[in-house]
Protein backbone atom coordinates (compact mmCIF):
# COMPACT_ATOMS: atom_id res chain seq x y z
CA MET A 1 9.20 11.80 2.05
CA ARG A 2 5.56 12.33 1.21
CA VAL A 3 3.04 10.78 3.55
CA THR A 4 0.92 8.55 1.36
CA THR A 5 -2.82 8.19 1.71
CA GLN A 6 -2.14 4.58 2.68
CA GLY A 7 -0.06 5.61 5.70
CA ARG A 8 3.37 6.95 6.45
CA GLY A 9 5.95 6.63 3.74
CA PRO A 10 9.00 4.45 4.38
CA ALA A 11 11.86 5.98 6.31
CA ALA A 12 14.22 4.54 3.69
CA ASN A 13 12.92 7.17 1.31
CA GLU A 14 15.04 9.72 3.20
CA HIS A 15 18.19 8.06 1.82
CA ARG A 16 17.43 6.27 -1.39
CA HIS A 17 19.27 3.14 -2.39
CA ALA A 18 22.09 3.15 -4.90
CA ARG A 19 21.12 3.07 -8.55
CA PRO A 20 23.13 2.34 -11.67
CA ALA A 21 24.74 5.24 -13.47
CA ILE A 22 22.98 6.53 -16.57
CA ALA A 23 24.64 5.81 -19.87
CA GLU A 24 25.72 8.79 -21.97
CA ASP A 25 22.94 8.14 -24.47
CA HIS A 26 20.47 5.56 -23.18
CA HIS A 27 17.28 5.10 -25.20
CA PRO A 28 15.06 2.25 -23.99
CA ALA A 29 11.68 1.89 -25.66
CA ALA A 30 9.46 4.83 -24.80
CA ARG A 31 6.37 4.34 -22.64
CA PRO A 32 3.94 7.08 -23.69
CA GLY A 33 2.38 9.06 -20.86
CA PRO A 34 -1.36 9.68 -20.67
CA GLY A 35 -2.97 12.73 -22.27
CA THR A 36 -6.21 14.32 -21.17
CA ASP A 37 -8.25 11.86 -23.23
CA GLY A 38 -6.15 8.80 -22.43
CA SER A 39 -4.05 9.19 -25.58
CA ALA A 40 -0.27 9.50 -25.62
CA ASP A 41 1.21 12.74 -24.29
CA PRO A 42 2.60 14.72 -27.29
CA ALA A 43 5.67 15.63 -25.22
CA ALA A 44 6.48 11.93 -24.88
CA ALA A 45 5.79 11.22 -28.54
CA ASP A 46 8.28 13.82 -29.82
CA GLY A 47 11.06 12.47 -27.62
CA THR A 48 12.15 15.91 -26.39
CA TRP A 49 15.06 15.84 -23.96
CA ARG A 50 14.82 18.39 -21.15
CA GLY A 51 16.56 19.05 -17.87
CA TRP A 52 14.53 17.87 -14.88
CA ARG A 53 13.70 21.45 -13.89
CA GLU A 54 12.03 22.24 -17.21
CA ALA A 55 10.41 18.81 -17.44
CA THR A 56 8.98 19.09 -13.92
CA GLU A 57 7.63 22.59 -14.57
CA HIS A 58 5.75 21.28 -17.60
CA ALA A 59 4.56 18.10 -15.86
CA LEU A 60 3.29 19.78 -12.67
CA TYR A 61 2.18 23.22 -13.84
CA GLY A 62 1.64 23.02 -17.59
CA PRO A 63 -1.80 23.27 -19.27
CA ASP A 64 -2.60 19.68 -18.26
CA GLY A 65 -0.21 19.46 -15.33
CA PHE A 66 -0.56 17.31 -12.25
CA TYR A 67 -1.48 20.31 -10.08
CA THR A 68 -3.24 22.46 -12.67
CA ARG A 69 -5.38 19.86 -14.46
CA PRO A 70 -9.05 20.97 -14.25
CA GLY A 71 -11.28 18.72 -12.16
CA GLY A 72 -8.44 16.81 -10.51
CA PRO A 73 -8.64 15.64 -6.89
CA GLY A 74 -5.87 17.94 -5.73
CA PRO A 75 -2.90 16.89 -3.62
CA ALA A 76 -5.09 15.18 -0.99
CA GLY A 77 -6.13 12.64 -3.62
CA HIS A 78 -2.56 11.40 -3.95
CA PHE A 79 -0.78 11.95 -0.64
CA ARG A 80 -1.42 13.22 2.85
CA THR A 81 0.51 16.12 4.32
CA SER A 82 0.36 17.30 7.93
CA VAL A 83 -2.56 19.53 6.91
CA HIS A 84 -4.59 16.49 5.88
CA ALA A 85 -3.45 14.31 8.77
CA SER A 86 -5.22 16.19 11.55
CA PRO A 87 -7.00 19.47 12.38
CA LEU A 88 -4.43 19.81 15.17
CA TYR A 89 -2.00 21.09 12.54
CA ALA A 90 -4.25 23.98 11.52
CA GLY A 91 -4.81 24.66 15.21
CA ALA A 92 -1.05 24.89 15.73
CA VAL A 93 -0.71 27.33 12.83
CA ALA A 94 -3.55 29.37 14.35
CA THR A 95 -1.62 29.47 17.63
CA LEU A 96 1.51 30.64 15.81
CA LEU A 97 -0.51 33.29 13.98
CA ARG A 98 -1.82 34.62 17.30
CA ARG A 99 1.75 34.87 18.58
CA VAL A 100 2.74 36.80 15.46
CA ASP A 101 -0.28 39.05 15.95
CA ALA A 102 0.70 39.78 19.56
CA ALA A 103 4.35 40.37 18.65
CA LEU A 104 3.29 42.90 16.00
CA GLY A 105 0.99 44.76 18.39
CA HIS A 106 -2.31 43.51 16.91
CA PRO A 107 -2.26 45.36 13.57
CA ASP A 108 -5.54 46.54 12.01
CA GLU A 109 -4.96 44.09 9.14
CA LEU A 110 -3.23 40.79 9.79
CA ALA A 111 -2.25 38.69 6.76
CA LEU A 112 -2.00 34.92 6.58
CA VAL A 113 -0.42 33.79 3.30
CA ASP A 114 -0.61 30.06 2.53
CA VAL A 115 1.92 29.32 -0.24
CA GLY A 116 1.13 26.12 -2.12
CA ALA A 117 -2.39 26.12 -0.71
CA GLY A 118 -3.68 22.95 -2.40
CA ARG A 119 -7.45 23.21 -2.08
CA GLY A 120 -7.37 25.70 0.79
CA GLU A 121 -7.58 23.12 3.56
CA LEU A 122 -5.07 24.82 5.88
CA LEU A 123 -6.65 28.28 5.62
CA THR A 124 -10.09 26.80 6.18
CA GLY A 125 -8.87 25.05 9.33
CA VAL A 126 -7.05 28.12 10.67
CA LEU A 127 -10.10 30.33 10.17
CA ALA A 128 -12.19 27.86 12.16
CA ALA A 129 -9.64 27.78 14.98
CA LEU A 130 -9.23 31.55 15.46
CA PRO A 131 -11.19 33.67 17.94
CA GLU A 132 -13.53 36.22 16.38
CA ASP A 133 -11.41 39.27 17.31
CA VAL A 134 -8.47 37.90 15.29
CA ARG A 135 -10.63 36.50 12.48
CA ALA A 136 -12.24 39.93 11.96
CA ARG A 137 -8.84 41.49 11.20
CA LEU A 138 -7.44 38.58 9.19
CA ARG A 139 -6.76 38.79 5.46
CA PRO A 140 -6.16 35.19 4.28
CA TYR A 141 -4.39 34.62 0.95
CA ALA A 142 -4.08 31.30 -0.86
CA VAL A 143 -1.21 31.20 -3.36
CA GLU A 144 -1.78 28.28 -5.71
CA ARG A 145 -1.47 27.80 -9.47
CA ALA A 146 -4.52 25.55 -9.67
CA ALA A 147 -7.96 27.10 -10.11
CA ARG A 148 -9.93 28.22 -7.07
CA PRO A 149 -11.94 25.28 -5.71
CA GLN A 150 -15.70 25.55 -5.55
CA GLY A 151 -17.24 26.31 -2.18
CA LEU A 152 -14.12 27.85 -0.67
CA ASP A 153 -14.73 30.45 2.04
CA PRO A 154 -15.22 33.77 0.21
CA ARG A 155 -12.94 35.51 2.71
CA ILE A 156 -9.96 33.68 1.23
CA ALA A 157 -8.29 35.58 -1.62
CA TRP A 158 -7.09 33.10 -4.26
CA ARG A 159 -3.96 34.09 -6.20
CA ALA A 160 -1.73 32.41 -8.76
CA GLU A 161 1.26 34.50 -7.65
CA LEU A 162 2.64 35.92 -4.45
CA PRO A 163 1.42 39.36 -3.35
CA ALA A 164 3.70 42.30 -4.07
CA PRO A 165 6.95 42.56 -2.09
CA GLY A 166 6.63 44.37 1.21
CA SER A 167 2.86 44.59 0.94
CA LEU A 168 1.67 42.54 3.93
CA THR A 169 2.09 42.25 7.69
CA GLY A 170 1.58 38.90 9.37
CA LEU A 171 2.45 35.23 8.80
CA LEU A 172 3.53 33.57 5.56
CA PHE A 173 3.32 29.78 5.80
CA ALA A 174 4.56 27.36 3.13
CA ASN A 175 3.78 23.74 3.97
CA GLU A 176 5.42 21.31 1.53
CA TRP A 177 5.73 23.95 -1.17
CA LEU A 178 9.48 24.13 -1.77
CA ASP A 179 9.75 20.41 -2.56
CA ASN A 180 7.56 21.07 -5.61
CA VAL A 181 9.65 24.01 -6.86
CA PRO A 182 11.34 22.35 -9.87
CA VAL A 183 15.09 21.76 -9.77
CA ASP A 184 17.67 20.26 -12.08
CA VAL A 185 19.24 16.90 -11.28
CA VAL A 186 22.93 16.12 -11.79
CA GLU A 187 24.83 12.85 -11.85
CA THR A 188 28.55 12.12 -11.95
CA ASP A 189 29.85 10.26 -14.98
CA ALA A 190 32.57 7.60 -15.08
CA ASP A 191 35.24 10.31 -14.84
CA GLY A 192 33.63 11.88 -11.76
CA VAL A 193 32.33 14.88 -13.72
CA PRO A 194 28.89 16.14 -12.59
CA ARG A 195 26.55 16.35 -15.58
CA ARG A 196 22.97 17.52 -15.91
CA VAL A 197 20.49 14.69 -16.20
CA LEU A 198 18.19 15.03 -19.22
CA VAL A 199 14.83 13.30 -19.29
CA ARG A 200 12.01 12.60 -21.71
CA ALA A 201 8.34 12.67 -20.77
CA ASP A 202 8.32 8.87 -20.47
CA GLY A 203 11.01 9.02 -17.76
CA THR A 204 13.92 7.88 -19.92
CA GLU A 205 17.13 9.63 -18.79
CA ARG A 206 20.56 10.37 -20.23
CA LEU A 207 23.50 12.50 -19.17
CA GLY A 208 23.81 15.98 -20.62
CA PRO A 209 26.51 18.67 -20.42
CA PRO A 210 28.75 19.25 -17.40
CA VAL A 211 27.50 21.55 -14.68
CA ASP A 212 29.14 24.98 -14.68
CA GLY A 213 28.61 28.58 -13.57
CA PRO A 214 26.38 29.43 -10.60
CA ASP A 215 25.00 25.87 -10.42
CA ALA A 216 28.53 24.46 -9.99
CA GLU A 217 29.18 27.10 -7.32
CA TRP A 218 25.98 26.08 -5.52
CA LEU A 219 27.03 22.42 -5.55
CA ALA A 220 30.47 23.29 -4.19
CA ARG A 221 28.95 25.22 -1.29
CA TRP A 222 25.86 23.18 -0.48
CA TRP A 223 26.30 19.64 -1.91
CA PRO A 224 30.09 19.21 -1.89
CA PRO A 225 30.24 15.41 -2.38
CA VAL A 226 29.03 15.92 -5.97
CA ALA A 227 30.92 19.17 -6.65
CA PRO A 228 33.62 19.06 -9.36
CA GLU A 229 36.41 19.74 -6.85
CA ALA A 230 35.34 17.13 -4.28
CA ASP A 231 38.54 16.04 -2.50
CA ALA A 232 38.18 12.31 -3.02
CA GLY A 233 36.35 12.66 -6.32
CA PRO A 234 32.63 11.95 -6.44
CA ALA A 235 31.61 8.34 -6.97
CA THR A 236 30.25 7.37 -10.37
CA GLY A 237 26.47 7.64 -10.34
CA SER A 238 26.27 10.05 -7.39
CA ARG A 239 23.29 12.37 -7.80
CA ALA A 240 22.19 15.72 -6.44
CA GLU A 241 19.39 18.22 -6.91
CA ILE A 242 20.52 21.83 -7.51
CA GLY A 243 18.50 23.91 -5.05
CA ARG A 244 19.21 27.39 -6.42
CA PRO A 245 15.65 27.90 -7.75
CA ARG A 246 14.29 27.06 -4.29
CA ASP A 247 16.64 29.50 -2.61
CA ALA A 248 15.37 32.23 -4.95
CA ALA A 249 11.71 31.21 -4.56
CA TRP A 250 11.94 31.31 -0.77
CA ALA A 251 13.73 34.66 -0.75
CA ARG A 252 10.93 36.09 -2.91
CA ALA A 253 8.28 34.64 -0.60
CA VAL A 254 9.93 36.17 2.46
CA ARG A 255 10.01 39.58 0.75
CA THR A 256 6.21 39.49 0.51
CA LEU A 257 6.14 40.57 4.15
CA ARG A 258 6.74 44.09 5.40
CA ALA A 259 6.84 42.72 8.95
CA GLY A 260 6.06 39.37 10.51
CA LEU A 261 7.25 35.80 10.19
CA ALA A 262 7.82 33.53 7.18
CA VAL A 263 7.78 29.76 7.78
CA ALA A 264 8.69 26.94 5.39
CA VAL A 265 7.92 23.34 6.38
CA ASP A 266 9.28 20.46 4.34
CA TYR A 267 11.16 17.20 4.37
CA ALA A 268 14.74 18.33 4.32
CA HIS A 269 18.38 17.34 4.46
CA HIS A 270 21.46 19.28 5.51
CA ARG A 271 24.94 19.87 4.13
CA ALA A 272 26.57 17.34 6.44
CA ASP A 273 24.28 14.49 5.39
CA ARG A 274 23.16 15.01 1.81
CA PRO A 275 21.79 11.73 0.38
CA PRO A 276 24.39 10.37 -2.07
CA PHE A 277 21.87 9.40 -4.75
CA GLY A 278 19.41 12.28 -4.53
CA THR A 279 15.77 12.17 -3.48
CA LEU A 280 13.70 12.76 -6.62
CA THR A 281 10.60 10.57 -6.61
CA GLY A 282 6.96 10.46 -7.71
CA PHE A 283 3.61 9.94 -5.98
CA ARG A 284 0.32 8.82 -7.46
CA GLU A 285 -2.93 7.68 -5.82
CA GLY A 286 -1.39 7.23 -2.41
CA ARG A 287 1.76 5.38 -3.44
CA GLU A 288 5.35 6.22 -4.22
CA VAL A 289 6.10 5.63 -7.92
CA ARG A 290 8.93 6.08 -10.38
CA PRO A 291 9.27 9.79 -11.25
CA VAL A 292 7.92 10.29 -14.77
CA PRO A 293 7.41 13.88 -16.02
CA ASP A 294 4.27 13.25 -18.07
CA GLY A 295 1.74 14.90 -15.75
CA SER A 296 0.51 11.60 -14.31
CA CYS A 297 2.20 11.89 -10.90
CA ASP A 298 3.54 14.32 -8.36
CA LEU A 299 7.28 15.00 -8.67
CA THR A 300 9.05 15.92 -5.48
CA ALA A 301 12.54 16.10 -3.97
CA HIS A 302 13.75 16.88 -0.47
CA VAL A 303 14.76 20.48 0.29
CA ALA A 304 18.14 21.87 1.29
CA LEU A 305 16.56 24.17 3.87
CA ASP A 306 19.96 25.26 5.17
CA ALA A 307 20.72 26.72 1.74
CA CYS A 308 17.41 28.60 1.71
CA ALA A 309 17.88 30.09 5.17
CA GLY A 310 18.62 33.78 5.58
CA PRO A 311 21.03 35.13 8.22
CA ALA A 312 18.29 35.62 10.86
CA ALA A 313 16.57 32.28 10.24
CA GLU A 314 15.84 29.66 12.88
CA ARG A 315 15.63 25.96 12.05
CA LEU A 316 14.08 23.17 14.08
CA THR A 317 12.17 19.93 13.58
CA GLN A 318 8.40 19.76 13.28
CA ARG A 319 8.36 17.74 16.48
CA ALA A 320 10.02 20.59 18.39
CA ALA A 321 7.89 23.24 16.66
CA LEU A 322 4.57 21.54 17.38
CA HIS A 323 5.53 20.79 20.97
CA ALA A 324 6.24 24.52 21.39
CA LEU A 325 2.77 25.22 19.95
CA GLY A 326 1.03 22.90 22.39
CA VAL A 327 0.69 19.74 20.27
CA ALA A 328 1.79 16.69 22.25
CA GLY A 329 0.83 13.03 21.99
CA ARG A 330 0.04 12.41 25.65
CA ARG A 331 -2.63 9.81 26.31
CA PRO A 332 -5.55 10.99 28.44
CA PRO A 333 -5.84 9.54 31.95
CA LEU A 334 -7.71 6.25 32.01
CA SER A 335 -9.91 7.59 34.79
CA LEU A 336 -11.53 9.90 32.23
CA ALA A 337 -13.03 6.84 30.50
CA GLY A 338 -15.17 6.21 33.57
CA THR A 339 -16.40 9.77 34.05
CA ASP A 340 -16.63 10.94 30.44
CA PRO A 341 -16.36 8.08 27.91
CA ALA A 342 -17.01 10.29 24.88
CA GLY A 343 -14.48 12.85 26.06
CA TYR A 344 -11.95 10.10 26.64
CA LEU A 345 -12.36 8.81 23.08
CA ARG A 346 -11.97 12.33 21.68
CA ALA A 347 -8.85 12.91 23.75
CA LEU A 348 -7.46 9.53 22.73
CA GLY A 349 -8.00 10.34 19.06
CA ALA A 350 -6.30 13.71 19.46
CA ALA A 351 -3.36 12.05 21.19
CA GLY A 352 -3.01 9.65 18.26
CA ASP A 353 -3.11 12.53 15.77
CA ALA A 354 -0.52 14.44 17.77
CA ALA A 355 1.73 11.40 17.92
CA GLU A 356 1.61 11.08 14.12
CA LEU A 357 2.35 14.77 13.57
CA THR A 358 5.33 14.68 15.92
CA ASP A 359 6.76 11.22 15.19
CA PRO A 360 10.50 11.84 14.64
CA ALA A 361 10.60 8.98 12.10
CA GLY A 362 7.75 10.54 10.08
CA LEU A 363 6.12 13.95 9.98
CA GLY A 364 7.85 15.05 13.17
CA GLY A 365 11.19 14.82 11.38
CA PHE A 366 10.24 17.49 8.85
CA GLY A 367 12.22 20.72 8.98
CA TRP A 368 10.76 24.10 9.95
CA LEU A 369 12.54 27.20 8.69
CA LEU A 370 11.43 30.43 10.42
CA GLU A 371 12.49 33.86 9.16
CA PRO A 372 11.48 37.00 11.08
CA VAL A 373 10.92 40.04 8.87
CA GLY A 374 11.07 43.74 9.71
CA GLY A 375 13.05 43.47 12.93
CA THR A 376 13.23 41.00 15.78
CA ALA A 377 9.65 41.22 17.10
CA CYS A 378 8.79 37.82 15.57
CA ALA A 379 12.06 36.09 16.46
CA GLY A 380 11.95 33.25 18.96
CA LEU A 381 8.19 32.77 18.88
CA LEU A 382 8.59 29.04 19.43
CA THR A 383 10.56 29.36 22.64
CA SER A 384 8.87 28.19 25.84
CA ASP A 385 8.15 31.73 27.06
CA ALA A 386 6.87 33.02 23.70
CA PRO A 387 3.17 33.37 24.68
CA ASP A 388 4.08 35.72 27.54
CA ARG A 389 6.61 37.85 25.70
CA PRO A 390 5.68 41.55 25.89
CA HIS A 391 5.27 43.56 22.73
CA PRO A 392 8.39 45.71 22.30
CA THR A 393 7.78 49.39 22.90
CA ALA A 394 8.92 52.12 20.56
């Protein structure tokens, strides 16, 4: 679920409604997608059939992709993540960064890597929330395939790729990044055989070859209702997204750190409750739309965070994580309105922001995946006694 710029997305988006199965070779009239000058997208005109992973890569990150198109409004122009919802979120990340810093013994250089940085909003907010002694040692990195935005704080290093493996010490934070790592979609045919879904740039779909090899093994382990050997046989039209590319992308991100903590935050599902019809959808100008891989909309699907998790990983909800970082939606006492009206209004606004960030039916239901790197110093940093934990001695 993306949070739209019009407000919170519908909870029903977590488990999409049933949809008809795709015919083996279904060719409705094409609806050309927009090009940079308003003309038809050449990819739509040539009718190329691609798997959803390849089509999404082209639509989001190609020369005129949704995220890489020069002069575009960026993600905030189409949907609102926790970063955009309130500065309390950046403040919470700043608090987590300070815990990582303390757990690592206050290293001379402390890295903060924002993966999928958008326009740098999170790093900008964290820098503003940090005390000077931490800010002076901080090396902030924005990892984003779009061009560096104008006016961004010059202290922020802008990169199209992750830093080298094992090169940094600190916190790596990926907020709603993995949902935009492209994946293939599969659907079961009338015989219960999972097949890759092929798509044209206008959104027309058809079923392709059966799933085999490592992708079939991933389905069997992580999305068993759609796996070929499902006990009862998968229902016709059941869909799944093959998360192997996300598992690999997250593992590579974690390896960026020599020591510290890697955190992924996303809307997620788990092996026991995979949605039977998948979660692929699109977003444009603040509204959920049909997913069409022509570069005109965001393409996103929920993340199997349990499949991404390493053996030392911790998983919890955003509600629990933010509560542990001091973000709570408590209303200020009414008596404050009489003694400090302006302060009361500020506190009331902050309480409203906190309530949105921690709402279990919305942003608070997002999953947080935390992976300590280089030992156990950064394990358990969101437990109640984390701020007072002593730095381990050699």
